[in-house]
Amino acid sequence: MVKLKGFGDIEIKKISFMKDGSIVRLNQVIAILEGLEPTKEIKDCIQLLEEIKKIEEID
């Protein structure tokens, strides 16, 4: 389990189905979210996805 920076009560476990293509999918979702109205929730979600990307890139 990895604690996500800035999200004290959220942990993520890297599971086997997360492969190379998952970073591409994360980038696609981030791009979609960036096209939406930048609410606090959207910004938090983008930040969370960026943290998950960092975990993916480590392995």
PDB file of N, CA and C in Angstrom:
ATOM      1  N   MET A   1       0.834  -1.186   0.000  1.00  0.00           N
ATOM      2  CA  MET A   1       0.000   0.000   0.000  1.00  0.00           C
ATOM      3  C   MET A   1       0.879   1.249   0.000  1.00  0.00           C
ATOM      4  N   VAL A   2       0.414   2.270  -0.679  1.00  0.00           N
ATOM      5  CA  VAL A   2       1.142   3.527  -0.759  1.00  0.00           C
ATOM      6  C   VAL A   2       0.201   4.636  -0.327  1.00  0.00           C
ATOM      7  N   LYS A   3       0.644   5.462   0.613  1.00  0.00           N
ATOM      8  CA  LYS A   3      -0.147   6.632   1.008  1.00  0.00           C
ATOM      9  C   LYS A   3       0.071   7.713  -0.032  1.00  0.00           C
ATOM     10  N   LEU A   4      -0.992   8.328  -0.473  1.00  0.00           N
ATOM     11  CA  LEU A   4      -0.893   9.375  -1.481  1.00  0.00           C
ATOM     12  C   LEU A   4      -0.637  10.722  -0.816  1.00  0.00           C
ATOM     13  N   LYS A   5       0.366  11.423  -1.321  1.00  0.00           N
ATOM     14  CA  LYS A   5       0.737  12.732  -0.796  1.00  0.00           C
ATOM     15  C   LYS A   5      -0.442  13.695  -0.877  1.00  0.00           C
ATOM     16  N   GLY A   6      -0.736  14.344   0.229  1.00  0.00           N
ATOM     17  CA  GLY A   6      -1.821  15.318   0.254  1.00  0.00           C
ATOM     18  C   GLY A   6      -3.196  14.710   0.470  1.00  0.00           C
ATOM     19  N   PHE A   7      -3.260  13.401   0.549  1.00  0.00           N
ATOM     20  CA  PHE A   7      -4.525  12.708   0.748  1.00  0.00           C
ATOM     21  C   PHE A   7      -4.329  11.726   1.896  1.00  0.00           C
ATOM     22  N   GLY A   8      -4.291  12.245   3.136  1.00  0.00           N
ATOM     23  CA  GLY A   8      -3.935  11.481   4.314  1.00  0.00           C
ATOM     24  C   GLY A   8      -4.727  10.213   4.555  1.00  0.00           C
ATOM     25  N   ASP A   9      -5.983  10.167   4.157  1.00  0.00           N
ATOM     26  CA  ASP A   9      -6.785   8.999   4.471  1.00  0.00           C
ATOM     27  C   ASP A   9      -6.991   8.059   3.284  1.00  0.00           C
ATOM     28  N   ILE A  10      -6.252   8.257   2.201  1.00  0.00           N
ATOM     29  CA  ILE A  10      -6.406   7.419   1.017  1.00  0.00           C
ATOM     30  C   ILE A  10      -5.121   6.623   0.803  1.00  0.00           C
ATOM     31  N   GLU A  11      -5.283   5.333   0.608  1.00  0.00           N
ATOM     32  CA  GLU A  11      -4.147   4.489   0.282  1.00  0.00           C
ATOM     33  C   GLU A  11      -4.471   3.774  -1.018  1.00  0.00           C
ATOM     34  N   ILE A  12      -3.454   3.449  -1.774  1.00  0.00           N
ATOM     35  CA  ILE A  12      -3.657   2.725  -3.021  1.00  0.00           C
ATOM     36  C   ILE A  12      -2.727   1.521  -3.034  1.00  0.00           C
ATOM     37  N   LYS A  13      -3.247   0.432  -3.500  1.00  0.00           N
ATOM     38  CA  LYS A  13      -2.458  -0.789  -3.603  1.00  0.00           C
ATOM     39  C   LYS A  13      -2.235  -1.061  -5.087  1.00  0.00           C
ATOM     40  N   LYS A  14      -0.986  -1.237  -5.482  1.00  0.00           N
ATOM     41  CA  LYS A  14      -0.697  -1.535  -6.874  1.00  0.00           C
ATOM     42  C   LYS A  14      -1.128  -2.965  -7.140  1.00  0.00           C
ATOM     43  N   ILE A  15      -1.973  -3.139  -8.121  1.00  0.00           N
ATOM     44  CA  ILE A  15      -2.455  -4.470  -8.427  1.00  0.00           C
ATOM     45  C   ILE A  15      -2.017  -4.885  -9.821  1.00  0.00           C
ATOM     46  N   SER A  16      -2.098  -6.158 -10.090  1.00  0.00           N
ATOM     47  CA  SER A  16      -1.491  -6.722 -11.294  1.00  0.00           C
ATOM     48  C   SER A  16      -2.047  -6.183 -12.607  1.00  0.00           C
ATOM     49  N   PHE A  17      -3.303  -5.728 -12.653  1.00  0.00           N
ATOM     50  CA  PHE A  17      -3.830  -5.274 -13.933  1.00  0.00           C
ATOM     51  C   PHE A  17      -3.321  -3.900 -14.340  1.00  0.00           C
ATOM     52  N   MET A  18      -2.597  -3.206 -13.457  1.00  0.00           N
ATOM     53  CA  MET A  18      -2.020  -1.911 -13.812  1.00  0.00           C
ATOM     54  C   MET A  18      -0.747  -2.166 -14.612  1.00  0.00           C
ATOM     55  N   LYS A  19      -0.805  -1.889 -15.882  1.00  0.00           N
ATOM     56  CA  LYS A  19       0.327  -2.158 -16.766  1.00  0.00           C
ATOM     57  C   LYS A  19       0.741  -0.860 -17.462  1.00  0.00           C
ATOM     58  N   ASP A  20       1.624  -0.981 -18.460  1.00  0.00           N
ATOM     59  CA  ASP A  20       2.146   0.191 -19.164  1.00  0.00           C
ATOM     60  C   ASP A  20       1.053   1.093 -19.724  1.00  0.00           C
ATOM     61  N   GLY A  21      -0.003   0.515 -20.234  1.00  0.00           N
ATOM     62  CA  GLY A  21      -1.073   1.307 -20.820  1.00  0.00           C
ATOM     63  C   GLY A  21      -1.849   2.133 -19.810  1.00  0.00           C
ATOM     64  N   SER A  22      -1.691   1.811 -18.538  1.00  0.00           N
ATOM     65  CA  SER A  22      -2.466   2.542 -17.538  1.00  0.00           C
ATOM     66  C   SER A  22      -2.019   3.996 -17.429  1.00  0.00           C
ATOM     67  N   ILE A  23      -0.737   4.275 -17.655  1.00  0.00           N
ATOM     68  CA  ILE A  23      -0.273   5.663 -17.627  1.00  0.00           C
ATOM     69  C   ILE A  23      -0.907   6.434 -18.777  1.00  0.00           C
ATOM     70  N   VAL A  24      -1.018   5.794 -19.928  1.00  0.00           N
ATOM     71  CA  VAL A  24      -1.671   6.434 -21.074  1.00  0.00           C
ATOM     72  C   VAL A  24      -3.126   6.727 -20.745  1.00  0.00           C
ATOM     73  N   ARG A  25      -3.807   5.781 -20.119  1.00  0.00           N
ATOM     74  CA  ARG A  25      -5.211   5.996 -19.741  1.00  0.00           C
ATOM     75  C   ARG A  25      -5.338   7.108 -18.704  1.00  0.00           C
ATOM     76  N   LEU A  26      -4.422   7.127 -17.741  1.00  0.00           N
ATOM     77  CA  LEU A  26      -4.443   8.201 -16.746  1.00  0.00           C
ATOM     78  C   LEU A  26      -4.273   9.557 -17.422  1.00  0.00           C
ATOM     79  N   ASN A  27      -3.354   9.642 -18.378  1.00  0.00           N
ATOM     80  CA  ASN A  27      -3.144  10.902 -19.102  1.00  0.00           C
ATOM     81  C   ASN A  27      -4.402  11.316 -19.861  1.00  0.00           C
ATOM     82  N   GLN A  28      -5.113  10.338 -20.429  1.00  0.00           N
ATOM     83  CA  GLN A  28      -6.350  10.649 -21.154  1.00  0.00           C
ATOM     84  C   GLN A  28      -7.407  11.208 -20.201  1.00  0.00           C
ATOM     85  N   VAL A  29      -7.548  10.584 -19.050  1.00  0.00           N
ATOM     86  CA  VAL A  29      -8.539  11.050 -18.074  1.00  0.00           C
ATOM     87  C   VAL A  29      -8.172  12.449 -17.569  1.00  0.00           C
ATOM     88  N   ILE A  30      -6.882  12.660 -17.303  1.00  0.00           N
ATOM     89  CA  ILE A  30      -6.423  13.982 -16.851  1.00  0.00           C
ATOM     90  C   ILE A  30      -6.736  15.043 -17.901  1.00  0.00           C
ATOM     91  N   ALA A  31      -6.492  14.720 -19.162  1.00  0.00           N
ATOM     92  CA  ALA A  31      -6.769  15.675 -20.238  1.00  0.00           C
ATOM     93  C   ALA A  31      -8.255  16.013 -20.300  1.00  0.00           C
ATOM     94  N   ILE A  32      -9.112  15.011 -20.126  1.00  0.00           N
ATOM     95  CA  ILE A  32     -10.559  15.254 -20.127  1.00  0.00           C
ATOM     96  C   ILE A  32     -10.936  16.160 -18.959  1.00  0.00           C
ATOM     97  N   LEU A  33     -10.406  15.852 -17.772  1.00  0.00           N
ATOM     98  CA  LEU A  33     -10.727  16.652 -16.594  1.00  0.00           C
ATOM     99  C   LEU A  33     -10.235  18.088 -16.728  1.00  0.00           C
ATOM    100  N   GLU A  34      -9.082  18.265 -17.353  1.00  0.00           N
ATOM    101  CA  GLU A  34      -8.548  19.619 -17.537  1.00  0.00           C
ATOM    102  C   GLU A  34      -9.419  20.445 -18.476  1.00  0.00           C
ATOM    103  N   GLY A  35     -10.212  19.777 -19.313  1.00  0.00           N
ATOM    104  CA  GLY A  35     -11.114  20.475 -20.215  1.00  0.00           C
ATOM    105  C   GLY A  35     -12.417  20.915 -19.553  1.00  0.00           C
ATOM    106  N   LEU A  36     -12.641  20.462 -18.328  1.00  0.00           N
ATOM    107  CA  LEU A  36     -13.858  20.820 -17.604  1.00  0.00           C
ATOM    108  C   LEU A  36     -13.650  22.084 -16.788  1.00  0.00           C
ATOM    109  N   GLU A  37     -14.738  22.594 -16.266  1.00  0.00           N
ATOM    110  CA  GLU A  37     -14.645  23.770 -15.397  1.00  0.00           C
ATOM    111  C   GLU A  37     -13.783  23.409 -14.178  1.00  0.00           C
ATOM    112  N   PRO A  38     -12.779  24.225 -13.893  1.00  0.00           N
ATOM    113  CA  PRO A  38     -11.812  23.866 -12.841  1.00  0.00           C
ATOM    114  C   PRO A  38     -12.347  24.080 -11.420  1.00  0.00           C
ATOM    115  N   THR A  39     -13.234  23.190 -10.993  1.00  0.00           N
ATOM    116  CA  THR A  39     -13.744  23.267  -9.625  1.00  0.00           C
ATOM    117  C   THR A  39     -12.713  22.657  -8.671  1.00  0.00           C
ATOM    118  N   LYS A  40     -12.937  22.829  -7.389  1.00  0.00           N
ATOM    119  CA  LYS A  40     -12.037  22.258  -6.394  1.00  0.00           C
ATOM    120  C   LYS A  40     -11.987  20.738  -6.534  1.00  0.00           C
ATOM    121  N   GLU A  41     -13.141  20.114  -6.766  1.00  0.00           N
ATOM    122  CA  GLU A  41     -13.204  18.664  -6.900  1.00  0.00           C
ATOM    123  C   GLU A  41     -12.408  18.177  -8.109  1.00  0.00           C
ATOM    124  N   ILE A  42     -12.529  18.884  -9.220  1.00  0.00           N
ATOM    125  CA  ILE A  42     -11.787  18.522 -10.430  1.00  0.00           C
ATOM    126  C   ILE A  42     -10.292  18.655 -10.183  1.00  0.00           C
ATOM    127  N   LYS A  43      -9.877  19.748  -9.559  1.00  0.00           N
ATOM    128  CA  LYS A  43      -8.457  19.954  -9.265  1.00  0.00           C
ATOM    129  C   LYS A  43      -7.934  18.874  -8.333  1.00  0.00           C
ATOM    130  N   ASP A  44      -8.721  18.503  -7.315  1.00  0.00           N
ATOM    131  CA  ASP A  44      -8.317  17.429  -6.399  1.00  0.00           C
ATOM    132  C   ASP A  44      -8.186  16.101  -7.126  1.00  0.00           C
ATOM    133  N   CYS A  45      -9.106  15.832  -8.021  1.00  0.00           N
ATOM    134  CA  CYS A  45      -9.070  14.591  -8.785  1.00  0.00           C
ATOM    135  C   CYS A  45      -7.833  14.539  -9.679  1.00  0.00           C
ATOM    136  N   ILE A  46      -7.529  15.640 -10.344  1.00  0.00           N
ATOM    137  CA  ILE A  46      -6.326  15.693 -11.191  1.00  0.00           C
ATOM    138  C   ILE A  46      -5.091  15.476 -10.351  1.00  0.00           C
ATOM    139  N   GLN A  47      -5.036  16.102  -9.191  1.00  0.00           N
ATOM    140  CA  GLN A  47      -3.883  15.928  -8.292  1.00  0.00           C
ATOM    141  C   GLN A  47      -3.745  14.466  -7.874  1.00  0.00           C
ATOM    142  N   LEU A  48      -4.848  13.824  -7.559  1.00  0.00           N
ATOM    143  CA  LEU A  48      -4.835  12.422  -7.164  1.00  0.00           C
ATOM    144  C   LEU A  48      -4.345  11.543  -8.308  1.00  0.00           C
ATOM    145  N   LEU A  49      -4.831  11.805  -9.512  1.00  0.00           N
ATOM    146  CA  LEU A  49      -4.396  11.028 -10.673  1.00  0.00           C
ATOM    147  C   LEU A  49      -2.903  11.230 -10.961  1.00  0.00           C
ATOM    148  N   GLU A  50      -2.409  12.439 -10.764  1.00  0.00           N
ATOM    149  CA  GLU A  50      -0.981  12.701 -10.948  1.00  0.00           C
ATOM    150  C   GLU A  50      -0.145  11.894  -9.945  1.00  0.00           C
ATOM    151  N   GLU A  51      -0.632  11.787  -8.714  1.00  0.00           N
ATOM    152  CA  GLU A  51       0.063  10.995  -7.696  1.00  0.00           C
ATOM    153  C   GLU A  51       0.061   9.511  -8.077  1.00  0.00           C
ATOM    154  N   ILE A  52      -1.056   9.026  -8.599  1.00  0.00           N
ATOM    155  CA  ILE A  52      -1.141   7.630  -9.028  1.00  0.00           C
ATOM    156  C   ILE A  52      -0.178   7.380 -10.177  1.00  0.00           C
ATOM    157  N   LYS A  53      -0.075   8.345 -11.092  1.00  0.00           N
ATOM    158  CA  LYS A  53       0.880   8.219 -12.202  1.00  0.00           C
ATOM    159  C   LYS A  53       2.305   8.056 -11.689  1.00  0.00           C
ATOM    160  N   LYS A  54       2.657   8.803 -10.655  1.00  0.00           N
ATOM    161  CA  LYS A  54       3.997   8.699 -10.077  1.00  0.00           C
ATOM    162  C   LYS A  54       4.245   7.290  -9.555  1.00  0.00           C
ATOM    163  N   ILE A  55       3.246   6.702  -8.929  1.00  0.00           N
ATOM    164  CA  ILE A  55       3.382   5.340  -8.414  1.00  0.00           C
ATOM    165  C   ILE A  55       3.579   4.373  -9.578  1.00  0.00           C
ATOM    166  N   GLU A  56       2.818   4.551 -10.628  1.00  0.00           N
ATOM    167  CA  GLU A  56       2.915   3.685 -11.816  1.00  0.00           C
ATOM    168  C   GLU A  56       4.315   3.780 -12.445  1.00  0.00           C
ATOM    169  N   GLU A  57       4.870   4.984 -12.512  1.00  0.00           N
ATOM    170  CA  GLU A  57       6.154   5.185 -13.164  1.00  0.00           C
ATOM    171  C   GLU A  57       7.312   4.586 -12.371  1.00  0.00           C
ATOM    172  N   ILE A  58       7.138   4.436 -11.056  1.00  0.00           N
ATOM    173  CA  ILE A  58       8.189   3.860 -10.217  1.00  0.00           C
ATOM    174  C   ILE A  58       8.424   2.409 -10.554  1.00  0.00           C
ATOM    175  N   ASP A  59       7.337   1.650 -10.788  1.00  0.00           N
ATOM    176  CA  ASP A  59       7.457   0.216 -11.023  1.00  0.00           C
ATOM    177  C   ASP A  59       7.761  -0.063 -12.423  1.00  0.00           C
TER     178      ASP A  59
END
